[in-house]
């Protein structure tokens, strides 16, 4: 029986298929996504070039040129869908463990947090309360995207959920910790961006020199903890 009672499969461009397992940010749905992601990777399906998990879907990218050779009675898309249907059907439900728990230091000093004061004012709470609420939960890494190593994590306490900025910044420094809606995330490199910036971590979120270039992976759980400016500078130099 399928992992999920209902799923939707549809083309994503000319050489990809998306398997959608839900339509919202939800831990149980994302656990199913990660289970399917790991299972599909283990199958080593011929012609599959990449498998990308997200909040509630898995996208499979395939080599349309290679797979179209000697194909007569069906299309590449139909053939890939048939293989994916079989995989979903054969995947048995199981308890999915998170990859790891990661504690990440964040400096919430004003020099690193240009939106912290205005965010606190918007919600009629003190800056210290914003920091307390942001550091009081574990956040699931639902997906990576936008930039290599950019983390989409949730879910925030409702008291500090805040929309993206109406006018994005042209420059957000690497390590900046932001809020967008009910999500929190970390910019892995200098970039334009519209998230509400409330702090910065000295930890590098992405390094192409590492065997695993992304510091965090989908399925990880993250805890933030506050540090001083001096500790930030020490960790940055280390």
Foldseek 3Di string as FASTA:
>chain_A
DFQAPDWDWDDDPDFKIKIFRDDDQDPVQLLSQVLLQVQVVVVCDPFWDDWFFARGMIMTGGDLVVQQPPDDPDHPVVVVVVVSVVSRVPRDHDDGAFPEEAEFEWAQPCVQAVQLCVLCVVLVHDSVVVQCQQQVDKWFFRHDDPDVQKTKIDAGDPSRFDAWAPDWAQWHAFQFWFHHGRTIIGHQHIGIGGGRTRTGTLDRQADPVDPPGGPDHGRYIYGYDYDHPVVRVVSNVD
